[in-house]
All heavy atoms as atom14 arrays in JSON, in Angstrom:
{
  "sequence": "EGGYVASERGYLREAGNLVFHLSILVVMAGVAAGSLFGYQGGVIVTVG",
  "atom14_mask": [
    [1, 1, 1, 1, 1, 1, 1, 1, 1, 0, 0, 0, 0, 0],
    [1, 1, 1, 1, 0, 0, 0, 0, 0, 0, 0, 0, 0, 0],
    [1, 1, 1, 1, 0, 0, 0, 0, 0, 0, 0, 0, 0, 0],
    [1, 1, 1, 1, 1, 1, 1, 1, 1, 1, 1, 1, 0, 0],
    [1, 1, 1, 1, 1, 1, 1, 0, 0, 0, 0, 0, 0, 0],
    [1, 1, 1, 1, 1, 0, 0, 0, 0, 0, 0, 0, 0, 0],
    [1, 1, 1, 1, 1, 1, 0, 0, 0, 0, 0, 0, 0, 0],
    [1, 1, 1, 1, 1, 1, 1, 1, 1, 0, 0, 0, 0, 0],
    [1, 1, 1, 1, 1, 1, 1, 1, 1, 1, 1, 0, 0, 0],
    [1, 1, 1, 1, 0, 0, 0, 0, 0, 0, 0, 0, 0, 0],
    [1, 1, 1, 1, 1, 1, 1, 1, 1, 1, 1, 1, 0, 0],
    [1, 1, 1, 1, 1, 1, 1, 1, 0, 0, 0, 0, 0, 0],
    [1, 1, 1, 1, 1, 1, 1, 1, 1, 1, 1, 0, 0, 0],
    [1, 1, 1, 1, 1, 1, 1, 1, 1, 0, 0, 0, 0, 0],
    [1, 1, 1, 1, 1, 0, 0, 0, 0, 0, 0, 0, 0, 0],
    [1, 1, 1, 1, 0, 0, 0, 0, 0, 0, 0, 0, 0, 0],
    [1, 1, 1, 1, 1, 1, 1, 1, 0, 0, 0, 0, 0, 0],
    [1, 1, 1, 1, 1, 1, 1, 1, 0, 0, 0, 0, 0, 0],
    [1, 1, 1, 1, 1, 1, 1, 0, 0, 0, 0, 0, 0, 0],
    [1, 1, 1, 1, 1, 1, 1, 1, 1, 1, 1, 0, 0, 0],
    [1, 1, 1, 1, 1, 1, 1, 1, 1, 1, 0, 0, 0, 0],
    [1, 1, 1, 1, 1, 1, 1, 1, 0, 0, 0, 0, 0, 0],
    [1, 1, 1, 1, 1, 1, 0, 0, 0, 0, 0, 0, 0, 0],
    [1, 1, 1, 1, 1, 1, 1, 1, 0, 0, 0, 0, 0, 0],
    [1, 1, 1, 1, 1, 1, 1, 1, 0, 0, 0, 0, 0, 0],
    [1, 1, 1, 1, 1, 1, 1, 0, 0, 0, 0, 0, 0, 0],
    [1, 1, 1, 1, 1, 1, 1, 0, 0, 0, 0, 0, 0, 0],
    [1, 1, 1, 1, 1, 1, 1, 1, 0, 0, 0, 0, 0, 0],
    [1, 1, 1, 1, 1, 0, 0, 0, 0, 0, 0, 0, 0, 0],
    [1, 1, 1, 1, 0, 0, 0, 0, 0, 0, 0, 0, 0, 0],
    [1, 1, 1, 1, 1, 1, 1, 0, 0, 0, 0, 0, 0, 0],
    [1, 1, 1, 1, 1, 0, 0, 0, 0, 0, 0, 0, 0, 0],
    [1, 1, 1, 1, 1, 0, 0, 0, 0, 0, 0, 0, 0, 0],
    [1, 1, 1, 1, 0, 0, 0, 0, 0, 0, 0, 0, 0, 0],
    [1, 1, 1, 1, 1, 1, 0, 0, 0, 0, 0, 0, 0, 0],
    [1, 1, 1, 1, 1, 1, 1, 1, 0, 0, 0, 0, 0, 0],
    [1, 1, 1, 1, 1, 1, 1, 1, 1, 1, 1, 0, 0, 0],
    [1, 1, 1, 1, 0, 0, 0, 0, 0, 0, 0, 0, 0, 0],
    [1, 1, 1, 1, 1, 1, 1, 1, 1, 1, 1, 1, 0, 0],
    [1, 1, 1, 1, 1, 1, 1, 1, 1, 0, 0, 0, 0, 0],
    [1, 1, 1, 1, 0, 0, 0, 0, 0, 0, 0, 0, 0, 0],
    [1, 1, 1, 1, 0, 0, 0, 0, 0, 0, 0, 0, 0, 0],
    [1, 1, 1, 1, 1, 1, 1, 0, 0, 0, 0, 0, 0, 0],
    [1, 1, 1, 1, 1, 1, 1, 1, 0, 0, 0, 0, 0, 0],
    [1, 1, 1, 1, 1, 1, 1, 0, 0, 0, 0, 0, 0, 0],
    [1, 1, 1, 1, 1, 1, 1, 0, 0, 0, 0, 0, 0, 0],
    [1, 1, 1, 1, 1, 1, 1, 0, 0, 0, 0, 0, 0, 0],
    [1, 1, 1, 1, 0, 0, 0, 0, 0, 0, 0, 0, 0, 0]
  ],
  "atom14_positions": [
    [[-29.08, -19.71, -44.72], [-27.84, -19.64, -45.49], [-26.6, -19.92, -44.63], [-25.55, -20.26, -45.15], [-27.7, -18.26, -46.12], [-28.75, -17.97, -47.19], [-28.5, -16.64, -47.86], [-27.56, -15.94, -47.43], [-29.21, -16.31, -48.82], [0.0, 0.0, 0.0], [0.0, 0.0, 0.0], [0.0, 0.0, 0.0], [0.0, 0.0, 0.0], [0.0, 0.0, 0.0]],
    [[-26.67, -19.74, -43.34], [-25.5, -19.96, -42.49], [-25.42, -18.92, -41.39], [-26.45, -18.47, -40.84], [0.0, 0.0, 0.0], [0.0, 0.0, 0.0], [0.0, 0.0, 0.0], [0.0, 0.0, 0.0], [0.0, 0.0, 0.0], [0.0, 0.0, 0.0], [0.0, 0.0, 0.0], [0.0, 0.0, 0.0], [0.0, 0.0, 0.0], [0.0, 0.0, 0.0]],
    [[-24.22, -18.48, -41.09], [-24.02, -17.5, -40.04], [-22.56, -17.1, -39.94], [-21.74, -17.41, -40.82], [0.0, 0.0, 0.0], [0.0, 0.0, 0.0], [0.0, 0.0, 0.0], [0.0, 0.0, 0.0], [0.0, 0.0, 0.0], [0.0, 0.0, 0.0], [0.0, 0.0, 0.0], [0.0, 0.0, 0.0], [0.0, 0.0, 0.0], [0.0, 0.0, 0.0]],
    [[-22.21, -16.43, -38.86], [-20.8, -16.03, -38.7], [-20.47, -15.94, -37.21], [-21.36, -15.85, -36.35], [-20.53, -14.7, -39.39], [-21.25, -13.5, -38.8], [-20.69, -12.78, -37.75], [-22.47, -13.08, -39.3], [-21.33, -11.67, -37.21], [-23.14, -11.99, -38.78], [-22.56, -11.28, -37.73], [-23.2, -10.2, -37.2], [0.0, 0.0, 0.0], [0.0, 0.0, 0.0]],
    [[-19.19, -15.96, -36.95], [-18.67, -15.76, -35.6], [-17.9, -14.44, -35.59], [-16.97, -14.25, -36.39], [-17.74, -16.91, -35.17], [-17.11, -16.6, -33.8], [-18.5, -18.23, -35.1], [0.0, 0.0, 0.0], [0.0, 0.0, 0.0], [0.0, 0.0, 0.0], [0.0, 0.0, 0.0], [0.0, 0.0, 0.0], [0.0, 0.0, 0.0], [0.0, 0.0, 0.0]],
    [[-18.31, -13.55, -34.71], [-17.59, -12.28, -34.52], [-16.72, -12.42, -33.27], [-17.17, -12.95, -32.25], [-18.58, -11.13, -34.36], [0.0, 0.0, 0.0], [0.0, 0.0, 0.0], [0.0, 0.0, 0.0], [0.0, 0.0, 0.0], [0.0, 0.0, 0.0], [0.0, 0.0, 0.0], [0.0, 0.0, 0.0], [0.0, 0.0, 0.0], [0.0, 0.0, 0.0]],
    [[-15.5, -11.97, -33.37], [-14.59, -12.1, -32.22], [-13.72, -10.85, -32.12], [-13.48, -10.15, -33.11], [-13.71, -13.34, -32.37], [-12.86, -13.21, -33.5], [0.0, 0.0, 0.0], [0.0, 0.0, 0.0], [0.0, 0.0, 0.0], [0.0, 0.0, 0.0], [0.0, 0.0, 0.0], [0.0, 0.0, 0.0], [0.0, 0.0, 0.0], [0.0, 0.0, 0.0]],
    [[-13.27, -10.63, -30.91], [-12.44, -9.44, -30.65], [-11.53, -9.73, -29.46], [-11.92, -10.42, -28.52], [-13.33, -8.22, -30.38], [-12.57, -6.92, -30.25], [-13.51, -5.72, -30.14], [-14.7, -5.92, -29.81], [-13.05, -4.59, -30.38], [0.0, 0.0, 0.0], [0.0, 0.0, 0.0], [0.0, 0.0, 0.0], [0.0, 0.0, 0.0], [0.0, 0.0, 0.0]],
    [[-10.34, -9.16, -29.49], [-9.44, -9.23, -28.35], [-8.55, -7.98, -28.34], [-8.54, -7.21, -29.3], [-8.58, -10.49, -28.4], [-7.42, -10.43, -29.34], [-6.56, -11.66, -29.23], [-5.36, -11.55, -30.07], [-4.53, -12.53, -30.3], [-4.75, -13.72, -29.76], [-3.47, -12.36, -31.07], [0.0, 0.0, 0.0], [0.0, 0.0, 0.0], [0.0, 0.0, 0.0]],
    [[-7.82, -7.8, -27.24], [-6.95, -6.64, -27.12], [-7.53, -5.55, -26.23], [-7.1, -4.4, -26.28], [0.0, 0.0, 0.0], [0.0, 0.0, 0.0], [0.0, 0.0, 0.0], [0.0, 0.0, 0.0], [0.0, 0.0, 0.0], [0.0, 0.0, 0.0], [0.0, 0.0, 0.0], [0.0, 0.0, 0.0], [0.0, 0.0, 0.0], [0.0, 0.0, 0.0]],
    [[-8.49, -5.92, -25.38], [-9.1, -4.92, -24.49], [-8.1, -4.37, -23.47], [-8.3, -3.27, -22.94], [-10.3, -5.54, -23.76], [-11.45, -5.86, -24.67], [-11.61, -7.13, -25.2], [-12.39, -4.89, -25.01], [-12.67, -7.43, -26.04], [-13.45, -5.17, -25.86], [-13.58, -6.45, -26.37], [-14.62, -6.73, -27.22], [0.0, 0.0, 0.0], [0.0, 0.0, 0.0]],
    [[-7.05, -5.12, -23.21], [-6.08, -4.66, -22.21], [-5.26, -3.47, -22.7], [-4.58, -2.82, -21.92], [-5.14, -5.8, -21.82], [-5.74, -6.91, -20.96], [-4.71, -7.98, -20.67], [-6.29, -6.33, -19.66], [0.0, 0.0, 0.0], [0.0, 0.0, 0.0], [0.0, 0.0, 0.0], [0.0, 0.0, 0.0], [0.0, 0.0, 0.0], [0.0, 0.0, 0.0]],
    [[-5.31, -3.2, -24.01], [-4.58, -2.02, -24.5], [-5.15, -0.75, -23.89], [-4.42, 0.1, -23.39], [-4.65, -1.96, -26.03], [-3.85, -0.79, -26.61], [-4.04, -0.73, -28.12], [-3.29, 0.35, -28.71], [-2.03, 0.26, -29.13], [-1.38, -0.9, -29.03], [-1.42, 1.29, -29.67], [0.0, 0.0, 0.0], [0.0, 0.0, 0.0], [0.0, 0.0, 0.0]],
    [[-6.47, -0.62, -23.92], [-7.1, 0.55, -23.32], [-6.92, 0.53, -21.81], [-6.74, 1.58, -21.18], [-8.58, 0.6, -23.68], [-9.34, 1.78, -23.1], [-8.8, 3.14, -23.55], [-8.09, 3.2, -24.57], [-9.09, 4.14, -22.87], [0.0, 0.0, 0.0], [0.0, 0.0, 0.0], [0.0, 0.0, 0.0], [0.0, 0.0, 0.0], [0.0, 0.0, 0.0]],
    [[-6.94, -0.68, -21.23], [-6.68, -0.78, -19.79], [-5.28, -0.28, -19.47], [-5.05, 0.39, -18.46], [-6.85, -2.22, -19.32], [0.0, 0.0, 0.0], [0.0, 0.0, 0.0], [0.0, 0.0, 0.0], [0.0, 0.0, 0.0], [0.0, 0.0, 0.0], [0.0, 0.0, 0.0], [0.0, 0.0, 0.0], [0.0, 0.0, 0.0], [0.0, 0.0, 0.0]],
    [[-4.32, -0.59, -20.36], [-2.96, -0.1, -20.17], [-2.9, 1.42, -20.2], [-2.2, 2.04, -19.39], [0.0, 0.0, 0.0], [0.0, 0.0, 0.0], [0.0, 0.0, 0.0], [0.0, 0.0, 0.0], [0.0, 0.0, 0.0], [0.0, 0.0, 0.0], [0.0, 0.0, 0.0], [0.0, 0.0, 0.0], [0.0, 0.0, 0.0], [0.0, 0.0, 0.0]],
    [[-3.64, 2.02, -21.12], [-3.69, 3.49, -21.19], [-4.26, 4.07, -19.9], [-3.76, 5.06, -19.36], [-4.53, 3.93, -22.39], [-3.82, 3.69, -23.71], [-2.6, 3.74, -23.77], [-4.57, 3.4, -24.76], [0.0, 0.0, 0.0], [0.0, 0.0, 0.0], [0.0, 0.0, 0.0], [0.0, 0.0, 0.0], [0.0, 0.0, 0.0], [0.0, 0.0, 0.0]],
    [[-5.35, 3.45, -19.43], [-5.98, 3.95, -18.21], [-5.06, 3.77, -17.0], [-4.96, 4.66, -16.15], [-7.3, 3.2, -17.97], [-8.44, 3.52, -18.94], [-9.62, 2.6, -18.7], [-8.87, 4.98, -18.8], [0.0, 0.0, 0.0], [0.0, 0.0, 0.0], [0.0, 0.0, 0.0], [0.0, 0.0, 0.0], [0.0, 0.0, 0.0], [0.0, 0.0, 0.0]],
    [[-4.38, 2.62, -16.93], [-3.45, 2.38, -15.82], [-2.31, 3.38, -15.84], [-1.88, 3.89, -14.79], [-2.91, 0.93, -15.88], [-1.72, 0.75, -14.94], [-4.01, -0.05, -15.51], [0.0, 0.0, 0.0], [0.0, 0.0, 0.0], [0.0, 0.0, 0.0], [0.0, 0.0, 0.0], [0.0, 0.0, 0.0], [0.0, 0.0, 0.0], [0.0, 0.0, 0.0]],
    [[-1.82, 3.71, -17.05], [-0.73, 4.68, -17.15], [-1.18, 6.04, -16.62], [-0.46, 6.69, -15.86], [-0.27, 4.8, -18.6], [0.8, 5.84, -18.79], [2.11, 5.59, -18.4], [0.49, 7.07, -19.34], [3.09, 6.54, -18.56], [1.48, 8.04, -19.51], [2.77, 7.77, -19.12], [0.0, 0.0, 0.0], [0.0, 0.0, 0.0], [0.0, 0.0, 0.0]],
    [[-2.36, 6.49, -17.04], [-2.83, 7.79, -16.56], [-3.13, 7.75, -15.06], [-2.89, 8.72, -14.34], [-4.08, 8.21, -17.34], [-3.78, 8.6, -18.76], [-3.79, 7.7, -19.79], [-3.46, 9.81, -19.31], [-3.48, 8.32, -20.91], [-3.27, 9.59, -20.65], [0.0, 0.0, 0.0], [0.0, 0.0, 0.0], [0.0, 0.0, 0.0], [0.0, 0.0, 0.0]],
    [[-3.66, 6.62, -14.6], [-3.9, 6.47, -13.16], [-2.59, 6.5, -12.39], [-2.51, 7.06, -11.29], [-4.65, 5.17, -12.9], [-4.98, 4.85, -11.44], [-5.91, 5.91, -10.86], [-5.6, 3.47, -11.31], [0.0, 0.0, 0.0], [0.0, 0.0, 0.0], [0.0, 0.0, 0.0], [0.0, 0.0, 0.0], [0.0, 0.0, 0.0], [0.0, 0.0, 0.0]],
    [[-1.54, 5.92, -12.97], [-0.24, 5.88, -12.29], [0.31, 7.29, -12.06], [0.99, 7.53, -11.06], [0.76, 5.05, -13.1], [1.12, 5.72, -14.3], [0.0, 0.0, 0.0], [0.0, 0.0, 0.0], [0.0, 0.0, 0.0], [0.0, 0.0, 0.0], [0.0, 0.0, 0.0], [0.0, 0.0, 0.0], [0.0, 0.0, 0.0], [0.0, 0.0, 0.0]],
    [[0.03, 8.2, -12.98], [0.48, 9.58, -12.79], [-0.16, 10.16, -11.54], [0.49, 10.84, -10.73], [0.16, 10.44, -14.02], [0.9, 9.89, -15.25], [0.54, 11.89, -13.79], [0.55, 10.61, -16.54], [0.0, 0.0, 0.0], [0.0, 0.0, 0.0], [0.0, 0.0, 0.0], [0.0, 0.0, 0.0], [0.0, 0.0, 0.0], [0.0, 0.0, 0.0]],
    [[-1.45, 9.89, -11.36], [-2.14, 10.35, -10.15], [-1.54, 9.71, -8.9], [-1.39, 10.37, -7.87], [-3.63, 10.02, -10.24], [-4.48, 10.88, -11.18], [-5.9, 10.36, -11.22], [-4.46, 12.33, -10.73], [0.0, 0.0, 0.0], [0.0, 0.0, 0.0], [0.0, 0.0, 0.0], [0.0, 0.0, 0.0], [0.0, 0.0, 0.0], [0.0, 0.0, 0.0]],
    [[-1.2, 8.43, -9.0], [-0.62, 7.73, -7.84], [0.73, 8.35, -7.48], [1.03, 8.59, -6.3], [-0.48, 6.23, -8.13], [0.25, 5.53, -6.98], [-1.85, 5.6, -8.33], [0.0, 0.0, 0.0], [0.0, 0.0, 0.0], [0.0, 0.0, 0.0], [0.0, 0.0, 0.0], [0.0, 0.0, 0.0], [0.0, 0.0, 0.0], [0.0, 0.0, 0.0]],
    [[1.56, 8.61, -8.49], [2.87, 9.24, -8.23], [2.68, 10.61, -7.61], [3.36, 10.98, -6.64], [3.68, 9.35, -9.54], [4.93, 10.19, -9.32], [4.07, 7.96, -10.03], [0.0, 0.0, 0.0], [0.0, 0.0, 0.0], [0.0, 0.0, 0.0], [0.0, 0.0, 0.0], [0.0, 0.0, 0.0], [0.0, 0.0, 0.0], [0.0, 0.0, 0.0]],
    [[1.74, 11.39, -8.16], [1.49, 12.72, -7.61], [0.99, 12.64, -6.18], [1.37, 13.47, -5.32], [0.48, 13.46, -8.5], [1.02, 13.78, -9.89], [-0.22, 14.45, -11.0], [-0.55, 16.03, -10.23], [0.0, 0.0, 0.0], [0.0, 0.0, 0.0], [0.0, 0.0, 0.0], [0.0, 0.0, 0.0], [0.0, 0.0, 0.0], [0.0, 0.0, 0.0]],
    [[0.16, 11.64, -5.88], [-0.33, 11.47, -4.51], [0.81, 11.12, -3.57], [0.9, 11.63, -2.44], [-1.4, 10.38, -4.47], [0.0, 0.0, 0.0], [0.0, 0.0, 0.0], [0.0, 0.0, 0.0], [0.0, 0.0, 0.0], [0.0, 0.0, 0.0], [0.0, 0.0, 0.0], [0.0, 0.0, 0.0], [0.0, 0.0, 0.0], [0.0, 0.0, 0.0]],
    [[1.75, 10.26, -4.05], [2.89, 9.91, -3.22], [3.79, 11.09, -2.94], [4.25, 11.3, -1.82], [0.0, 0.0, 0.0], [0.0, 0.0, 0.0], [0.0, 0.0, 0.0], [0.0, 0.0, 0.0], [0.0, 0.0, 0.0], [0.0, 0.0, 0.0], [0.0, 0.0, 0.0], [0.0, 0.0, 0.0], [0.0, 0.0, 0.0], [0.0, 0.0, 0.0]],
    [[4.03, 11.9, -3.99], [4.86, 13.1, -3.81], [4.17, 14.08, -2.86], [4.82, 14.69, -1.99], [5.14, 13.76, -5.18], [5.84, 15.1, -4.99], [5.99, 12.84, -6.04], [0.0, 0.0, 0.0], [0.0, 0.0, 0.0], [0.0, 0.0, 0.0], [0.0, 0.0, 0.0], [0.0, 0.0, 0.0], [0.0, 0.0, 0.0], [0.0, 0.0, 0.0]],
    [[2.86, 14.23, -3.03], [2.13, 15.15, -2.15], [2.17, 14.68, -0.7], [2.33, 15.48, 0.22], [0.68, 15.27, -2.62], [0.0, 0.0, 0.0], [0.0, 0.0, 0.0], [0.0, 0.0, 0.0], [0.0, 0.0, 0.0], [0.0, 0.0, 0.0], [0.0, 0.0, 0.0], [0.0, 0.0, 0.0], [0.0, 0.0, 0.0], [0.0, 0.0, 0.0]],
    [[2.04, 13.36, -0.49], [2.09, 12.83, 0.88], [3.45, 13.11, 1.51], [3.55, 13.49, 2.69], [1.81, 11.33, 0.88], [0.0, 0.0, 0.0], [0.0, 0.0, 0.0], [0.0, 0.0, 0.0], [0.0, 0.0, 0.0], [0.0, 0.0, 0.0], [0.0, 0.0, 0.0], [0.0, 0.0, 0.0], [0.0, 0.0, 0.0], [0.0, 0.0, 0.0]],
    [[4.52, 12.93, 0.71], [5.84, 13.21, 1.24], [6.04, 14.68, 1.57], [6.67, 15.04, 2.56], [0.0, 0.0, 0.0], [0.0, 0.0, 0.0], [0.0, 0.0, 0.0], [0.0, 0.0, 0.0], [0.0, 0.0, 0.0], [0.0, 0.0, 0.0], [0.0, 0.0, 0.0], [0.0, 0.0, 0.0], [0.0, 0.0, 0.0], [0.0, 0.0, 0.0]],
    [[5.48, 15.55, 0.72], [5.61, 16.99, 0.94], [4.81, 17.46, 2.15], [5.22, 18.39, 2.85], [5.16, 17.75, -0.31], [5.97, 17.41, -1.42], [0.0, 0.0, 0.0], [0.0, 0.0, 0.0], [0.0, 0.0, 0.0], [0.0, 0.0, 0.0], [0.0, 0.0, 0.0], [0.0, 0.0, 0.0], [0.0, 0.0, 0.0], [0.0, 0.0, 0.0]],
    [[3.66, 16.83, 2.39], [2.79, 17.27, 3.48], [3.19, 16.67, 4.82], [3.2, 17.36, 5.85], [1.35, 16.9, 3.16], [0.68, 17.64, 2.0], [-0.68, 17.04, 1.7], [0.54, 19.12, 2.32], [0.0, 0.0, 0.0], [0.0, 0.0, 0.0], [0.0, 0.0, 0.0], [0.0, 0.0, 0.0], [0.0, 0.0, 0.0], [0.0, 0.0, 0.0]],
    [[3.54, 15.37, 4.82], [3.72, 14.66, 6.09], [5.18, 14.28, 6.36], [5.45, 13.67, 7.39], [2.86, 13.39, 6.1], [1.4, 13.66, 5.95], [0.76, 13.45, 4.73], [0.65, 14.13, 7.01], [-0.59, 13.69, 4.57], [-0.7, 14.38, 6.87], [-1.33, 14.17, 5.65], [0.0, 0.0, 0.0], [0.0, 0.0, 0.0], [0.0, 0.0, 0.0]],
    [[6.08, 14.63, 5.48], [7.48, 14.29, 5.68], [8.34, 15.5, 5.97], [7.84, 16.61, 6.17], [0.0, 0.0, 0.0], [0.0, 0.0, 0.0], [0.0, 0.0, 0.0], [0.0, 0.0, 0.0], [0.0, 0.0, 0.0], [0.0, 0.0, 0.0], [0.0, 0.0, 0.0], [0.0, 0.0, 0.0], [0.0, 0.0, 0.0], [0.0, 0.0, 0.0]],
    [[9.63, 15.28, 5.99], [10.57, 16.4, 6.18], [11.89, 16.02, 5.53], [12.17, 14.85, 5.23], [10.77, 16.73, 7.65], [11.69, 15.78, 8.41], [13.08, 15.99, 8.44], [11.18, 14.69, 9.09], [13.92, 15.13, 9.13], [12.01, 13.82, 9.78], [13.38, 14.05, 9.8], [14.21, 13.18, 10.47], [0.0, 0.0, 0.0], [0.0, 0.0, 0.0]],
    [[12.72, 17.02, 5.33], [14.06, 16.81, 4.81], [14.99, 17.79, 5.5], [14.69, 18.98, 5.6], [14.11, 17.02, 3.3], [15.48, 16.82, 2.69], [15.44, 16.87, 1.18], [14.88, 15.99, 0.53], [16.02, 17.91, 0.61], [0.0, 0.0, 0.0], [0.0, 0.0, 0.0], [0.0, 0.0, 0.0], [0.0, 0.0, 0.0], [0.0, 0.0, 0.0]],
    [[16.09, 17.27, 6.01], [17.05, 18.12, 6.7], [18.46, 17.73, 6.33], [18.72, 16.66, 5.79], [0.0, 0.0, 0.0], [0.0, 0.0, 0.0], [0.0, 0.0, 0.0], [0.0, 0.0, 0.0], [0.0, 0.0, 0.0], [0.0, 0.0, 0.0], [0.0, 0.0, 0.0], [0.0, 0.0, 0.0], [0.0, 0.0, 0.0], [0.0, 0.0, 0.0]],
    [[19.38, 18.63, 6.59], [20.79, 18.38, 6.29], [21.67, 18.82, 7.43], [21.35, 19.76, 8.17], [0.0, 0.0, 0.0], [0.0, 0.0, 0.0], [0.0, 0.0, 0.0], [0.0, 0.0, 0.0], [0.0, 0.0, 0.0], [0.0, 0.0, 0.0], [0.0, 0.0, 0.0], [0.0, 0.0, 0.0], [0.0, 0.0, 0.0], [0.0, 0.0, 0.0]],
    [[22.78, 18.13, 7.58], [23.74, 18.48, 8.63], [25.13, 18.08, 8.16], [25.31, 17.07, 7.47], [23.38, 17.77, 9.96], [23.41, 16.26, 9.8], [24.31, 18.22, 11.07], [0.0, 0.0, 0.0], [0.0, 0.0, 0.0], [0.0, 0.0, 0.0], [0.0, 0.0, 0.0], [0.0, 0.0, 0.0], [0.0, 0.0, 0.0], [0.0, 0.0, 0.0]],
    [[26.1, 18.91, 8.49], [27.5, 18.58, 8.22], [28.13, 18.11, 9.52], [28.09, 18.83, 10.54], [28.25, 19.79, 7.65], [27.74, 20.1, 6.24], [29.75, 19.53, 7.62], [28.41, 21.29, 5.59], [0.0, 0.0, 0.0], [0.0, 0.0, 0.0], [0.0, 0.0, 0.0], [0.0, 0.0, 0.0], [0.0, 0.0, 0.0], [0.0, 0.0, 0.0]],
    [[28.7, 16.91, 9.5], [29.28, 16.31, 10.7], [30.75, 16.03, 10.42], [31.09, 15.36, 9.44], [28.56, 15.0, 11.07], [29.15, 14.41, 12.35], [27.07, 15.23, 11.24], [0.0, 0.0, 0.0], [0.0, 0.0, 0.0], [0.0, 0.0, 0.0], [0.0, 0.0, 0.0], [0.0, 0.0, 0.0], [0.0, 0.0, 0.0], [0.0, 0.0, 0.0]],
    [[31.62, 16.55, 11.26], [33.04, 16.24, 11.12], [33.32, 14.82, 11.61], [32.66, 14.34, 12.54], [33.92, 17.24, 11.9], [33.49, 17.26, 13.26], [33.81, 18.64, 11.3], [0.0, 0.0, 0.0], [0.0, 0.0, 0.0], [0.0, 0.0, 0.0], [0.0, 0.0, 0.0], [0.0, 0.0, 0.0], [0.0, 0.0, 0.0], [0.0, 0.0, 0.0]],
    [[34.24, 14.18, 10.94], [34.58, 12.81, 11.31], [35.1, 12.79, 12.75], [35.98, 13.55, 13.13], [35.64, 12.24, 10.34], [36.07, 10.84, 10.77], [35.09, 12.22, 8.92], [0.0, 0.0, 0.0], [0.0, 0.0, 0.0], [0.0, 0.0, 0.0], [0.0, 0.0, 0.0], [0.0, 0.0, 0.0], [0.0, 0.0, 0.0], [0.0, 0.0, 0.0]],
    [[34.5, 11.9, 13.55], [34.83, 11.83, 14.97], [33.76, 12.44, 15.84], [33.75, 12.22, 17.05], [0.0, 0.0, 0.0], [0.0, 0.0, 0.0], [0.0, 0.0, 0.0], [0.0, 0.0, 0.0], [0.0, 0.0, 0.0], [0.0, 0.0, 0.0], [0.0, 0.0, 0.0], [0.0, 0.0, 0.0], [0.0, 0.0, 0.0], [0.0, 0.0, 0.0]]
  ]
}
């Protein structure tokens, strides 16, 4: 009798979701690296 063609696209939508959630982990890892291996200091210096 014939047949059919099945097709699909849009797989990157779920990839986008996964990348977004992965990015949160990457940001957290960056913040953690700064907190563990970095420092922050302040000083007031008069002009001159």
